[in-house]
Amino acid sequence: MVYQCPMQCEGDKIYTESGSCPVCKMDLKQIKNASKKIETDAISEESIFNLTSKWHTEEGEEIQLEDLKGKTLVMVMIYTSCKAACPRLVADMRNIEAQIPDEKIKNLTFALVSIDPETDTPERLKAFAIENAMDDEQWTFLQGTESGVREFANVLSVKYKEISPIDFSHSNIISVFNAEGELIHQQEGLGVDNKETIETILKLTQ
């Protein structure tokens, strides 16, 4: 059992015994799920939520990666003008999503991060989402800055290189993160067996 002043005179300070607040003298109030709250608010050193880069979604909203906290994350890096690997990566993401039970989908975010932020504006990402039937709530497309994208790619061990103004060579990796933003599993390659990826997602998602 933990207790806290209902007026929060001492901020988030908690007590392990009942009594009254030393500041306002009001009775301390019991807090439910305090240990769970403290645990979920903490971000580990391995979490991608430590990255402070700003991103734009396909809806034009500005977010940080930490705004995706609280759901299992399935992430891949692509660019929309790609004619070779990316359509297959998109198909792999859709294949994974199709195997998740409906009741778990609401606790999942499938994020596609562009490695070509100059071309892939929020408007273009939105059009791409609609074209590929990936416009439901569980899908998110992200446009970052050049440095933000590079930093994120390094965290995922994704390598990419511009080989012409409209073409990139890149790693084909789908990454699964827990709700705290820690990398749990990676699937490498195109059209590979995704059984382990699905099992990881189901295990992480309540």
N, C-alpha and C. Protein backbone atom coordinates (compact mmCIF):
# COMPACT_ATOMS: atom_id res chain seq x y z
N MET A 1 0.85 -1.20 0.00
CA MET A 1 0.00 0.00 0.00
C MET A 1 0.89 1.26 0.00
N VAL A 2 0.53 2.20 -0.87
CA VAL A 2 1.24 3.48 -0.84
C VAL A 2 0.21 4.60 -0.78
N TYR A 3 0.64 5.75 -0.22
CA TYR A 3 -0.29 6.86 0.03
C TYR A 3 0.33 8.15 -0.49
N GLN A 4 -0.56 9.11 -0.79
CA GLN A 4 -0.11 10.39 -1.33
C GLN A 4 -1.08 11.48 -0.87
N CYS A 5 -0.56 12.68 -0.71
CA CYS A 5 -1.43 13.81 -0.37
C CYS A 5 -2.39 14.07 -1.53
N PRO A 6 -3.71 14.19 -1.26
CA PRO A 6 -4.66 14.43 -2.36
C PRO A 6 -4.42 15.77 -3.06
N MET A 7 -3.78 16.69 -2.37
CA MET A 7 -3.47 18.00 -2.96
C MET A 7 -2.08 18.01 -3.64
N GLN A 8 -1.38 16.89 -3.46
CA GLN A 8 -0.01 16.74 -4.00
C GLN A 8 0.88 17.93 -3.61
N CYS A 9 0.83 18.25 -2.32
CA CYS A 9 1.63 19.36 -1.79
C CYS A 9 3.12 19.14 -2.04
N GLU A 10 3.53 17.89 -1.99
CA GLU A 10 4.95 17.59 -2.19
C GLU A 10 5.18 16.91 -3.54
N GLY A 11 4.39 17.34 -4.51
CA GLY A 11 4.53 16.77 -5.86
C GLY A 11 4.09 15.32 -5.88
N ASP A 12 4.92 14.44 -6.45
CA ASP A 12 4.57 13.02 -6.57
C ASP A 12 5.08 12.19 -5.41
N LYS A 13 5.49 12.85 -4.33
CA LYS A 13 6.04 12.11 -3.18
C LYS A 13 5.00 11.14 -2.64
N ILE A 14 5.45 9.91 -2.35
CA ILE A 14 4.53 8.90 -1.82
C ILE A 14 5.01 8.41 -0.46
N TYR A 15 4.07 7.88 0.34
CA TYR A 15 4.37 7.36 1.67
C TYR A 15 3.93 5.90 1.72
N THR A 16 4.62 5.12 2.51
CA THR A 16 4.27 3.70 2.62
C THR A 16 3.30 3.44 3.78
N GLU A 17 3.03 4.47 4.58
CA GLU A 17 2.07 4.31 5.68
C GLU A 17 1.03 5.43 5.62
N SER A 18 -0.19 5.12 6.12
CA SER A 18 -1.25 6.15 6.13
C SER A 18 -0.90 7.21 7.17
N GLY A 19 -1.58 8.33 7.08
CA GLY A 19 -1.31 9.44 8.01
C GLY A 19 -1.81 10.71 7.38
N SER A 20 -1.22 11.83 7.77
CA SER A 20 -1.65 13.10 7.19
C SER A 20 -0.47 13.80 6.53
N CYS A 21 -0.80 14.67 5.60
CA CYS A 21 0.23 15.42 4.87
C CYS A 21 0.91 16.39 5.82
N PRO A 22 2.26 16.40 5.86
CA PRO A 22 2.96 17.32 6.77
C PRO A 22 2.79 18.78 6.38
N VAL A 23 2.33 19.03 5.15
CA VAL A 23 2.18 20.42 4.69
C VAL A 23 0.76 20.93 4.95
N CYS A 24 -0.26 20.24 4.36
CA CYS A 24 -1.63 20.76 4.47
C CYS A 24 -2.46 20.03 5.54
N LYS A 25 -1.87 18.98 6.13
CA LYS A 25 -2.50 18.20 7.21
C LYS A 25 -3.70 17.35 6.77
N MET A 26 -3.99 17.31 5.46
CA MET A 26 -5.09 16.46 4.99
C MET A 26 -4.67 14.99 5.08
N ASP A 27 -5.67 14.11 5.22
CA ASP A 27 -5.36 12.67 5.27
C ASP A 27 -4.76 12.22 3.94
N LEU A 28 -3.72 11.40 4.06
CA LEU A 28 -3.12 10.85 2.84
C LEU A 28 -4.09 9.88 2.19
N LYS A 29 -4.07 9.86 0.86
CA LYS A 29 -4.99 9.03 0.09
C LYS A 29 -4.24 7.82 -0.47
N GLN A 30 -4.87 6.64 -0.37
CA GLN A 30 -4.23 5.44 -0.92
C GLN A 30 -4.22 5.51 -2.45
N ILE A 31 -3.08 5.13 -3.05
CA ILE A 31 -2.97 5.14 -4.51
C ILE A 31 -3.05 3.71 -5.02
N LYS A 32 -3.92 3.49 -5.99
CA LYS A 32 -4.01 2.16 -6.60
C LYS A 32 -3.00 2.07 -7.73
N ASN A 33 -2.47 0.87 -7.91
CA ASN A 33 -1.54 0.58 -9.02
C ASN A 33 -0.35 1.52 -9.06
N ALA A 34 0.07 2.02 -7.90
CA ALA A 34 1.20 2.97 -7.89
C ALA A 34 2.46 2.33 -8.43
N SER A 35 2.72 1.09 -8.02
CA SER A 35 3.96 0.45 -8.45
C SER A 35 3.95 0.25 -9.96
N LYS A 36 2.75 -0.06 -10.52
CA LYS A 36 2.64 -0.25 -11.95
C LYS A 36 2.89 1.08 -12.67
N LYS A 37 2.33 2.16 -12.12
CA LYS A 37 2.50 3.48 -12.73
C LYS A 37 3.97 3.89 -12.75
N ILE A 38 4.62 3.69 -11.63
CA ILE A 38 6.04 4.06 -11.53
C ILE A 38 6.85 3.24 -12.54
N GLU A 39 6.52 1.98 -12.63
CA GLU A 39 7.26 1.09 -13.52
C GLU A 39 7.08 1.48 -14.98
N THR A 40 5.81 1.80 -15.39
CA THR A 40 5.57 2.09 -16.79
C THR A 40 6.04 3.50 -17.17
N ASP A 41 6.15 4.40 -16.20
CA ASP A 41 6.63 5.74 -16.52
C ASP A 41 8.14 5.77 -16.77
N ALA A 42 8.84 4.80 -16.24
CA ALA A 42 10.29 4.78 -16.39
C ALA A 42 10.67 4.34 -17.79
N ILE A 43 11.70 4.97 -18.35
CA ILE A 43 12.20 4.59 -19.67
C ILE A 43 13.60 4.03 -19.50
N SER A 44 13.82 2.82 -19.97
CA SER A 44 15.14 2.20 -19.81
C SER A 44 16.14 2.83 -20.79
N GLU A 45 17.40 2.59 -20.53
CA GLU A 45 18.45 3.15 -21.40
C GLU A 45 18.37 2.60 -22.81
N GLU A 46 17.79 1.39 -22.97
CA GLU A 46 17.70 0.74 -24.28
C GLU A 46 16.51 1.22 -25.10
N SER A 47 15.65 2.05 -24.52
CA SER A 47 14.40 2.41 -25.19
C SER A 47 14.60 3.44 -26.29
N ILE A 48 13.88 3.24 -27.41
CA ILE A 48 13.93 4.25 -28.49
C ILE A 48 13.24 5.53 -28.07
N PHE A 49 12.49 5.49 -26.96
CA PHE A 49 11.80 6.69 -26.50
C PHE A 49 12.77 7.72 -25.91
N ASN A 50 14.02 7.35 -25.77
CA ASN A 50 15.04 8.32 -25.34
C ASN A 50 15.43 9.26 -26.48
N LEU A 51 15.13 8.86 -27.72
CA LEU A 51 15.47 9.71 -28.87
C LEU A 51 14.52 10.91 -28.89
N THR A 52 15.09 12.09 -29.03
CA THR A 52 14.27 13.31 -28.90
C THR A 52 13.94 13.94 -30.26
N SER A 53 14.26 13.25 -31.34
CA SER A 53 13.99 13.78 -32.68
C SER A 53 12.48 13.98 -32.88
N LYS A 54 12.15 14.96 -33.72
CA LYS A 54 10.74 15.26 -34.03
C LYS A 54 10.37 14.58 -35.36
N TRP A 55 9.12 14.12 -35.43
CA TRP A 55 8.62 13.43 -36.61
C TRP A 55 7.26 13.99 -37.00
N HIS A 56 6.92 13.84 -38.27
CA HIS A 56 5.58 14.17 -38.74
C HIS A 56 4.88 12.90 -39.19
N THR A 57 3.63 12.74 -38.79
CA THR A 57 2.85 11.59 -39.23
C THR A 57 2.22 11.90 -40.59
N GLU A 58 1.61 10.88 -41.19
CA GLU A 58 0.92 11.07 -42.47
C GLU A 58 -0.28 12.01 -42.32
N GLU A 59 -0.70 12.25 -41.07
CA GLU A 59 -1.80 13.19 -40.81
C GLU A 59 -1.28 14.61 -40.58
N GLY A 60 0.04 14.79 -40.65
CA GLY A 60 0.63 16.11 -40.48
C GLY A 60 0.88 16.50 -39.03
N GLU A 61 0.66 15.56 -38.10
CA GLU A 61 0.90 15.86 -36.68
C GLU A 61 2.39 15.72 -36.36
N GLU A 62 2.89 16.62 -35.49
CA GLU A 62 4.28 16.50 -35.05
C GLU A 62 4.32 15.68 -33.76
N ILE A 63 5.15 14.65 -33.76
CA ILE A 63 5.26 13.79 -32.57
C ILE A 63 6.73 13.49 -32.28
N GLN A 64 6.96 12.92 -31.10
CA GLN A 64 8.24 12.29 -30.78
C GLN A 64 7.96 10.80 -30.64
N LEU A 65 8.99 9.99 -30.73
CA LEU A 65 8.78 8.54 -30.65
C LEU A 65 8.10 8.15 -29.34
N GLU A 66 8.37 8.91 -28.28
CA GLU A 66 7.77 8.61 -26.97
C GLU A 66 6.24 8.66 -27.02
N ASP A 67 5.69 9.40 -27.99
CA ASP A 67 4.23 9.48 -28.12
C ASP A 67 3.63 8.13 -28.56
N LEU A 68 4.49 7.21 -29.01
CA LEU A 68 4.02 5.88 -29.41
C LEU A 68 4.07 4.88 -28.24
N LYS A 69 4.47 5.37 -27.08
CA LYS A 69 4.62 4.52 -25.90
C LYS A 69 3.29 3.90 -25.48
N GLY A 70 3.37 2.69 -24.94
CA GLY A 70 2.18 2.05 -24.39
C GLY A 70 1.60 0.95 -25.25
N LYS A 71 2.06 0.84 -26.51
CA LYS A 71 1.61 -0.23 -27.39
C LYS A 71 2.81 -0.99 -27.94
N THR A 72 2.60 -2.24 -28.31
CA THR A 72 3.63 -2.99 -29.01
C THR A 72 3.86 -2.30 -30.36
N LEU A 73 5.13 -2.13 -30.73
CA LEU A 73 5.47 -1.44 -31.98
C LEU A 73 6.09 -2.42 -32.97
N VAL A 74 5.59 -2.39 -34.20
CA VAL A 74 6.20 -3.15 -35.29
C VAL A 74 6.64 -2.11 -36.32
N MET A 75 7.95 -2.00 -36.54
CA MET A 75 8.47 -0.89 -37.34
C MET A 75 9.33 -1.36 -38.49
N VAL A 76 9.25 -0.61 -39.59
CA VAL A 76 10.07 -0.90 -40.76
C VAL A 76 10.46 0.43 -41.41
N MET A 77 11.62 0.46 -42.06
CA MET A 77 12.07 1.67 -42.77
C MET A 77 11.95 1.42 -44.27
N ILE A 78 11.24 2.33 -44.96
CA ILE A 78 10.99 2.19 -46.39
C ILE A 78 11.08 3.57 -47.04
N TYR A 79 10.87 3.66 -48.36
CA TYR A 79 10.59 4.93 -49.01
C TYR A 79 9.56 4.66 -50.10
N THR A 80 8.65 5.61 -50.31
CA THR A 80 7.46 5.32 -51.11
C THR A 80 7.73 5.17 -52.60
N SER A 81 8.82 5.76 -53.11
CA SER A 81 9.10 5.65 -54.55
C SER A 81 9.86 4.38 -54.91
N CYS A 82 10.16 3.57 -53.92
CA CYS A 82 10.90 2.32 -54.13
C CYS A 82 10.04 1.35 -54.97
N LYS A 83 10.68 0.73 -55.96
CA LYS A 83 9.95 -0.21 -56.83
C LYS A 83 10.38 -1.66 -56.60
N ALA A 84 11.39 -1.86 -55.76
CA ALA A 84 11.92 -3.23 -55.60
C ALA A 84 11.59 -3.81 -54.23
N ALA A 85 12.42 -3.52 -53.24
CA ALA A 85 12.27 -4.17 -51.93
C ALA A 85 11.09 -3.65 -51.11
N CYS A 86 10.85 -2.34 -51.15
CA CYS A 86 9.84 -1.76 -50.25
C CYS A 86 8.43 -2.31 -50.46
N PRO A 87 7.95 -2.49 -51.70
CA PRO A 87 6.62 -3.09 -51.84
C PRO A 87 6.54 -4.47 -51.17
N ARG A 88 7.64 -5.20 -51.18
CA ARG A 88 7.64 -6.52 -50.53
C ARG A 88 7.67 -6.38 -49.01
N LEU A 89 8.39 -5.37 -48.51
CA LEU A 89 8.39 -5.11 -47.07
C LEU A 89 6.99 -4.69 -46.60
N VAL A 90 6.34 -3.86 -47.39
CA VAL A 90 4.97 -3.44 -47.08
C VAL A 90 4.05 -4.66 -47.05
N ALA A 91 4.21 -5.55 -48.04
CA ALA A 91 3.41 -6.78 -48.07
C ALA A 91 3.69 -7.63 -46.84
N ASP A 92 4.95 -7.70 -46.41
CA ASP A 92 5.30 -8.46 -45.20
C ASP A 92 4.63 -7.86 -43.97
N MET A 93 4.62 -6.52 -43.87
CA MET A 93 3.96 -5.86 -42.74
C MET A 93 2.46 -6.17 -42.74
N ARG A 94 1.85 -6.12 -43.92
CA ARG A 94 0.41 -6.41 -44.01
C ARG A 94 0.12 -7.87 -43.68
N ASN A 95 1.04 -8.74 -44.06
CA ASN A 95 0.88 -10.16 -43.77
C ASN A 95 0.94 -10.41 -42.26
N ILE A 96 1.86 -9.71 -41.59
CA ILE A 96 1.96 -9.82 -40.12
C ILE A 96 0.68 -9.31 -39.48
N GLU A 97 0.24 -8.13 -39.92
CA GLU A 97 -0.96 -7.51 -39.34
C GLU A 97 -2.18 -8.42 -39.51
N ALA A 98 -2.27 -9.09 -40.65
CA ALA A 98 -3.42 -9.95 -40.94
C ALA A 98 -3.50 -11.16 -40.02
N GLN A 99 -2.37 -11.51 -39.40
CA GLN A 99 -2.36 -12.69 -38.53
C GLN A 99 -2.58 -12.36 -37.04
N ILE A 100 -2.79 -11.08 -36.75
CA ILE A 100 -3.01 -10.67 -35.36
C ILE A 100 -4.52 -10.64 -35.09
N PRO A 101 -4.98 -11.29 -34.00
CA PRO A 101 -6.42 -11.26 -33.69
C PRO A 101 -6.92 -9.83 -33.50
N ASP A 102 -8.16 -9.61 -33.90
CA ASP A 102 -8.75 -8.26 -33.85
C ASP A 102 -8.65 -7.62 -32.46
N GLU A 103 -8.82 -8.43 -31.40
CA GLU A 103 -8.83 -7.86 -30.05
C GLU A 103 -7.44 -7.36 -29.63
N LYS A 104 -6.40 -7.81 -30.32
CA LYS A 104 -5.05 -7.35 -29.97
C LYS A 104 -4.60 -6.16 -30.84
N ILE A 105 -5.24 -6.00 -31.99
CA ILE A 105 -4.83 -4.94 -32.92
C ILE A 105 -4.83 -3.56 -32.26
N LYS A 106 -5.82 -3.32 -31.38
CA LYS A 106 -5.93 -1.99 -30.76
C LYS A 106 -4.74 -1.67 -29.85
N ASN A 107 -3.98 -2.68 -29.46
CA ASN A 107 -2.79 -2.47 -28.61
C ASN A 107 -1.49 -2.57 -29.39
N LEU A 108 -1.61 -2.37 -30.71
CA LEU A 108 -0.45 -2.46 -31.59
C LEU A 108 -0.35 -1.22 -32.47
N THR A 109 0.88 -0.81 -32.77
CA THR A 109 1.11 0.22 -33.78
C THR A 109 2.08 -0.33 -34.81
N PHE A 110 1.68 -0.28 -36.08
CA PHE A 110 2.56 -0.65 -37.18
C PHE A 110 3.08 0.66 -37.77
N ALA A 111 4.38 0.91 -37.63
CA ALA A 111 4.95 2.19 -38.06
C ALA A 111 5.90 1.99 -39.24
N LEU A 112 5.71 2.79 -40.27
CA LEU A 112 6.59 2.77 -41.44
C LEU A 112 7.32 4.10 -41.48
N VAL A 113 8.64 4.04 -41.37
CA VAL A 113 9.47 5.23 -41.26
C VAL A 113 10.18 5.46 -42.58
N SER A 114 10.03 6.65 -43.16
CA SER A 114 10.64 6.93 -44.45
C SER A 114 12.13 7.24 -44.33
N ILE A 115 12.92 6.64 -45.23
CA ILE A 115 14.35 6.97 -45.28
C ILE A 115 14.61 8.09 -46.31
N ASP A 116 13.52 8.61 -46.91
CA ASP A 116 13.62 9.68 -47.90
C ASP A 116 12.70 10.83 -47.48
N PRO A 117 13.05 11.51 -46.38
CA PRO A 117 12.14 12.54 -45.85
C PRO A 117 11.89 13.71 -46.79
N GLU A 118 12.81 13.95 -47.73
CA GLU A 118 12.63 15.07 -48.65
C GLU A 118 11.45 14.81 -49.60
N THR A 119 11.38 13.59 -50.11
CA THR A 119 10.30 13.22 -51.04
C THR A 119 9.04 12.82 -50.30
N ASP A 120 9.22 12.07 -49.23
CA ASP A 120 8.06 11.51 -48.51
C ASP A 120 7.50 12.51 -47.50
N THR A 121 6.78 13.48 -48.02
CA THR A 121 6.10 14.46 -47.18
C THR A 121 4.91 13.77 -46.50
N PRO A 122 4.34 14.38 -45.46
CA PRO A 122 3.14 13.80 -44.85
C PRO A 122 2.03 13.54 -45.87
N GLU A 123 1.87 14.46 -46.84
CA GLU A 123 0.82 14.30 -47.86
C GLU A 123 1.09 13.06 -48.72
N ARG A 124 2.35 12.88 -49.09
CA ARG A 124 2.70 11.71 -49.91
C ARG A 124 2.53 10.42 -49.11
N LEU A 125 2.92 10.44 -47.84
CA LEU A 125 2.76 9.27 -46.98
C LEU A 125 1.28 8.93 -46.80
N LYS A 126 0.44 9.95 -46.69
CA LYS A 126 -1.00 9.73 -46.55
C LYS A 126 -1.56 9.05 -47.80
N ALA A 127 -1.15 9.55 -48.97
CA ALA A 127 -1.61 8.97 -50.23
C ALA A 127 -1.15 7.52 -50.35
N PHE A 128 0.09 7.27 -49.94
CA PHE A 128 0.65 5.91 -49.98
C PHE A 128 -0.13 4.98 -49.05
N ALA A 129 -0.48 5.49 -47.87
CA ALA A 129 -1.24 4.70 -46.90
C ALA A 129 -2.60 4.30 -47.48
N ILE A 130 -3.26 5.25 -48.14
CA ILE A 130 -4.57 4.97 -48.73
C ILE A 130 -4.44 3.97 -49.88
N GLU A 131 -3.45 4.19 -50.75
CA GLU A 131 -3.21 3.29 -51.89
C GLU A 131 -2.99 1.85 -51.45
N ASN A 132 -2.33 1.68 -50.31
CA ASN A 132 -1.96 0.34 -49.84
C ASN A 132 -2.90 -0.21 -48.77
N ALA A 133 -4.07 0.43 -48.62
CA ALA A 133 -5.06 0.00 -47.62
C ALA A 133 -4.44 -0.11 -46.23
N MET A 134 -3.63 0.92 -45.89
CA MET A 134 -2.96 0.97 -44.59
C MET A 134 -3.32 2.28 -43.89
N ASP A 135 -4.60 2.63 -44.00
CA ASP A 135 -5.04 3.92 -43.46
C ASP A 135 -5.85 3.75 -42.17
N ASP A 136 -5.90 2.53 -41.64
CA ASP A 136 -6.60 2.31 -40.38
C ASP A 136 -5.76 2.84 -39.22
N GLU A 137 -6.38 2.89 -38.05
CA GLU A 137 -5.76 3.52 -36.87
C GLU A 137 -4.44 2.87 -36.46
N GLN A 138 -4.30 1.56 -36.69
CA GLN A 138 -3.09 0.86 -36.24
C GLN A 138 -1.85 1.18 -37.08
N TRP A 139 -2.05 1.83 -38.23
CA TRP A 139 -0.92 2.16 -39.11
C TRP A 139 -0.48 3.60 -38.91
N THR A 140 0.83 3.81 -38.81
CA THR A 140 1.39 5.16 -38.70
C THR A 140 2.58 5.27 -39.65
N PHE A 141 2.64 6.38 -40.38
CA PHE A 141 3.78 6.65 -41.27
C PHE A 141 4.52 7.87 -40.72
N LEU A 142 5.84 7.80 -40.73
CA LEU A 142 6.63 8.87 -40.11
C LEU A 142 7.64 9.47 -41.07
N GLN A 143 7.64 10.80 -41.12
CA GLN A 143 8.65 11.56 -41.86
C GLN A 143 9.48 12.31 -40.82
N GLY A 144 10.79 12.11 -40.84
CA GLY A 144 11.67 12.79 -39.90
C GLY A 144 12.60 13.75 -40.61
N THR A 145 13.60 14.21 -39.89
CA THR A 145 14.67 15.00 -40.49
C THR A 145 15.76 14.02 -40.95
N GLU A 146 16.66 14.49 -41.78
CA GLU A 146 17.76 13.62 -42.25
C GLU A 146 18.52 13.04 -41.06
N SER A 147 18.83 13.90 -40.07
CA SER A 147 19.62 13.43 -38.91
C SER A 147 18.80 12.51 -38.03
N GLY A 148 17.49 12.81 -37.87
CA GLY A 148 16.62 11.97 -37.05
C GLY A 148 16.47 10.58 -37.65
N VAL A 149 16.32 10.53 -38.97
CA VAL A 149 16.18 9.24 -39.67
C VAL A 149 17.46 8.43 -39.55
N ARG A 150 18.59 9.12 -39.72
CA ARG A 150 19.90 8.42 -39.63
C ARG A 150 20.12 7.87 -38.22
N GLU A 151 19.78 8.67 -37.23
CA GLU A 151 19.93 8.25 -35.83
C GLU A 151 19.06 7.02 -35.55
N PHE A 152 17.82 7.07 -36.02
CA PHE A 152 16.89 5.96 -35.79
C PHE A 152 17.36 4.70 -36.52
N ALA A 153 17.85 4.86 -37.75
CA ALA A 153 18.35 3.72 -38.52
C ALA A 153 19.52 3.05 -37.79
N ASN A 154 20.38 3.86 -37.19
CA ASN A 154 21.52 3.31 -36.45
C ASN A 154 21.05 2.46 -35.27
N VAL A 155 20.01 2.90 -34.60
CA VAL A 155 19.46 2.15 -33.46
C VAL A 155 18.94 0.78 -33.94
N LEU A 156 18.33 0.76 -35.12
CA LEU A 156 17.75 -0.47 -35.66
C LEU A 156 18.77 -1.33 -36.41
N SER A 157 20.00 -0.81 -36.55
CA SER A 157 21.02 -1.47 -37.38
C SER A 157 20.57 -1.57 -38.84
N VAL A 158 19.78 -0.59 -39.27
CA VAL A 158 19.36 -0.52 -40.67
C VAL A 158 20.35 0.37 -41.41
N LYS A 159 20.89 -0.17 -42.51
CA LYS A 159 21.84 0.60 -43.33
C LYS A 159 21.11 1.05 -44.59
N TYR A 160 21.30 2.31 -44.96
CA TYR A 160 20.72 2.77 -46.22
C TYR A 160 21.64 3.80 -46.85
N LYS A 161 21.57 3.89 -48.18
CA LYS A 161 22.47 4.78 -48.91
C LYS A 161 21.75 5.28 -50.15
N GLU A 162 21.84 6.58 -50.39
CA GLU A 162 21.23 7.15 -51.59
C GLU A 162 22.11 6.82 -52.78
N ILE A 163 21.53 6.14 -53.78
CA ILE A 163 22.34 5.79 -54.96
C ILE A 163 21.94 6.61 -56.19
N SER A 164 20.83 7.33 -56.09
CA SER A 164 20.42 8.31 -57.09
C SER A 164 19.38 9.19 -56.40
N PRO A 165 18.98 10.32 -57.03
CA PRO A 165 18.00 11.20 -56.36
C PRO A 165 16.69 10.50 -55.99
N ILE A 166 16.37 9.39 -56.66
CA ILE A 166 15.09 8.72 -56.34
C ILE A 166 15.28 7.26 -55.93
N ASP A 167 16.50 6.89 -55.62
CA ASP A 167 16.74 5.48 -55.32
C ASP A 167 17.70 5.31 -54.15
N PHE A 168 17.39 4.36 -53.30
CA PHE A 168 18.22 4.05 -52.14
C PHE A 168 18.46 2.54 -52.09
N SER A 169 19.65 2.17 -51.63
CA SER A 169 19.84 0.77 -51.23
C SER A 169 19.67 0.75 -49.71
N HIS A 170 19.07 -0.33 -49.18
CA HIS A 170 18.78 -0.33 -47.74
C HIS A 170 18.59 -1.74 -47.22
N SER A 171 18.74 -1.89 -45.90
CA SER A 171 18.49 -3.16 -45.23
C SER A 171 16.99 -3.44 -45.22
N ASN A 172 16.65 -4.72 -45.21
CA ASN A 172 15.23 -5.12 -45.16
C ASN A 172 14.96 -5.78 -43.80
N ILE A 173 14.64 -4.93 -42.82
CA ILE A 173 14.48 -5.41 -41.45
C ILE A 173 13.16 -4.90 -40.87
N ILE A 174 12.38 -5.81 -40.30
CA ILE A 174 11.18 -5.45 -39.55
C ILE A 174 11.49 -5.66 -38.07
N SER A 175 11.27 -4.64 -37.26
CA SER A 175 11.65 -4.67 -35.84
C SER A 175 10.41 -4.64 -34.95
N VAL A 176 10.46 -5.40 -33.86
CA VAL A 176 9.36 -5.44 -32.90
C VAL A 176 9.86 -4.88 -31.56
N PHE A 177 9.14 -3.90 -31.03
CA PHE A 177 9.47 -3.27 -29.75
C PHE A 177 8.35 -3.53 -28.76
N ASN A 178 8.71 -3.63 -27.47
CA ASN A 178 7.67 -3.73 -26.45
C ASN A 178 7.08 -2.34 -26.19
N ALA A 179 6.10 -2.28 -25.29
CA ALA A 179 5.39 -1.01 -25.04
C ALA A 179 6.29 0.06 -24.43
N GLU A 180 7.45 -0.36 -23.92
CA GLU A 180 8.41 0.61 -23.34
C GLU A 180 9.47 1.04 -24.37
N GLY A 181 9.33 0.57 -25.61
CA GLY A 181 10.25 1.00 -26.66
C GLY A 181 11.56 0.25 -26.71
N GLU A 182 11.61 -0.94 -26.10
CA GLU A 182 12.84 -1.75 -26.13
C GLU A 182 12.74 -2.76 -27.27
N LEU A 183 13.82 -2.87 -28.04
CA LEU A 183 13.86 -3.80 -29.18
C LEU A 183 13.86 -5.24 -28.68
N ILE A 184 12.89 -6.02 -29.13
CA ILE A 184 12.73 -7.40 -28.67
C ILE A 184 13.07 -8.40 -29.76
N HIS A 185 12.75 -8.08 -31.03
CA HIS A 185 12.92 -9.06 -32.10
C HIS A 185 13.10 -8.34 -33.44
N GLN A 186 13.89 -8.94 -34.33
CA GLN A 186 14.02 -8.41 -35.68
C GLN A 186 13.88 -9.53 -36.70
N GLN A 187 13.19 -9.22 -37.77
CA GLN A 187 13.00 -10.15 -38.89
C GLN A 187 13.74 -9.56 -40.08
N GLU A 188 14.68 -10.29 -40.62
CA GLU A 188 15.51 -9.76 -41.71
C GLU A 188 15.24 -10.53 -42.99
N GLY A 189 15.13 -9.79 -44.09
CA GLY A 189 14.89 -10.42 -45.39
C GLY A 189 13.51 -10.11 -45.91
N LEU A 190 13.23 -10.57 -47.13
CA LEU A 190 11.94 -10.31 -47.78
C LEU A 190 11.17 -11.62 -47.92
N GLY A 191 9.89 -11.58 -47.57
CA GLY A 191 9.06 -12.77 -47.72
C GLY A 191 9.50 -13.95 -46.88
N VAL A 192 10.17 -13.66 -45.75
CA VAL A 192 10.69 -14.75 -44.91
C VAL A 192 9.59 -15.29 -43.99
N ASP A 193 9.84 -16.44 -43.39
CA ASP A 193 8.90 -17.03 -42.44
C ASP A 193 8.75 -16.08 -41.25
N ASN A 194 7.53 -15.63 -41.01
CA ASN A 194 7.33 -14.64 -39.93
C ASN A 194 6.75 -15.25 -38.65
N LYS A 195 6.83 -16.59 -38.53
CA LYS A 195 6.24 -17.26 -37.38
C LYS A 195 6.79 -16.70 -36.05
N GLU A 196 8.11 -16.55 -35.97
CA GLU A 196 8.73 -16.06 -34.73
C GLU A 196 8.32 -14.61 -34.45
N THR A 197 8.19 -13.82 -35.51
CA THR A 197 7.76 -12.43 -35.36
C THR A 197 6.35 -12.37 -34.80
N ILE A 198 5.45 -13.16 -35.35
CA ILE A 198 4.05 -13.21 -34.88
C ILE A 198 4.01 -13.64 -33.41
N GLU A 199 4.77 -14.70 -33.08
CA GLU A 199 4.79 -15.20 -31.70
C GLU A 199 5.26 -14.12 -30.73
N THR A 200 6.30 -13.38 -31.13
CA THR A 200 6.83 -12.30 -30.28
C THR A 200 5.77 -11.23 -30.06
N ILE A 201 5.09 -10.82 -31.13
CA ILE A 201 4.06 -9.78 -31.04
C ILE A 201 2.93 -10.22 -30.12
N LEU A 202 2.48 -11.46 -30.30
CA LEU A 202 1.36 -11.97 -29.47
C LEU A 202 1.74 -12.06 -28.01
N LYS A 203 2.99 -12.40 -27.76
CA LYS A 203 3.47 -12.53 -26.37
C LYS A 203 3.53 -11.15 -25.71
N LEU A 204 3.92 -10.15 -26.48
CA LEU A 204 4.08 -8.78 -25.93
C LEU A 204 2.75 -8.05 -25.79
N THR A 205 1.75 -8.42 -26.60
CA THR A 205 0.53 -7.64 -26.69
C THR A 205 -0.59 -8.25 -25.86
N GLN A 206 -1.08 -7.46 -24.91
CA GLN A 206 -2.17 -7.93 -24.03
C GLN A 206 -3.51 -7.84 -24.73
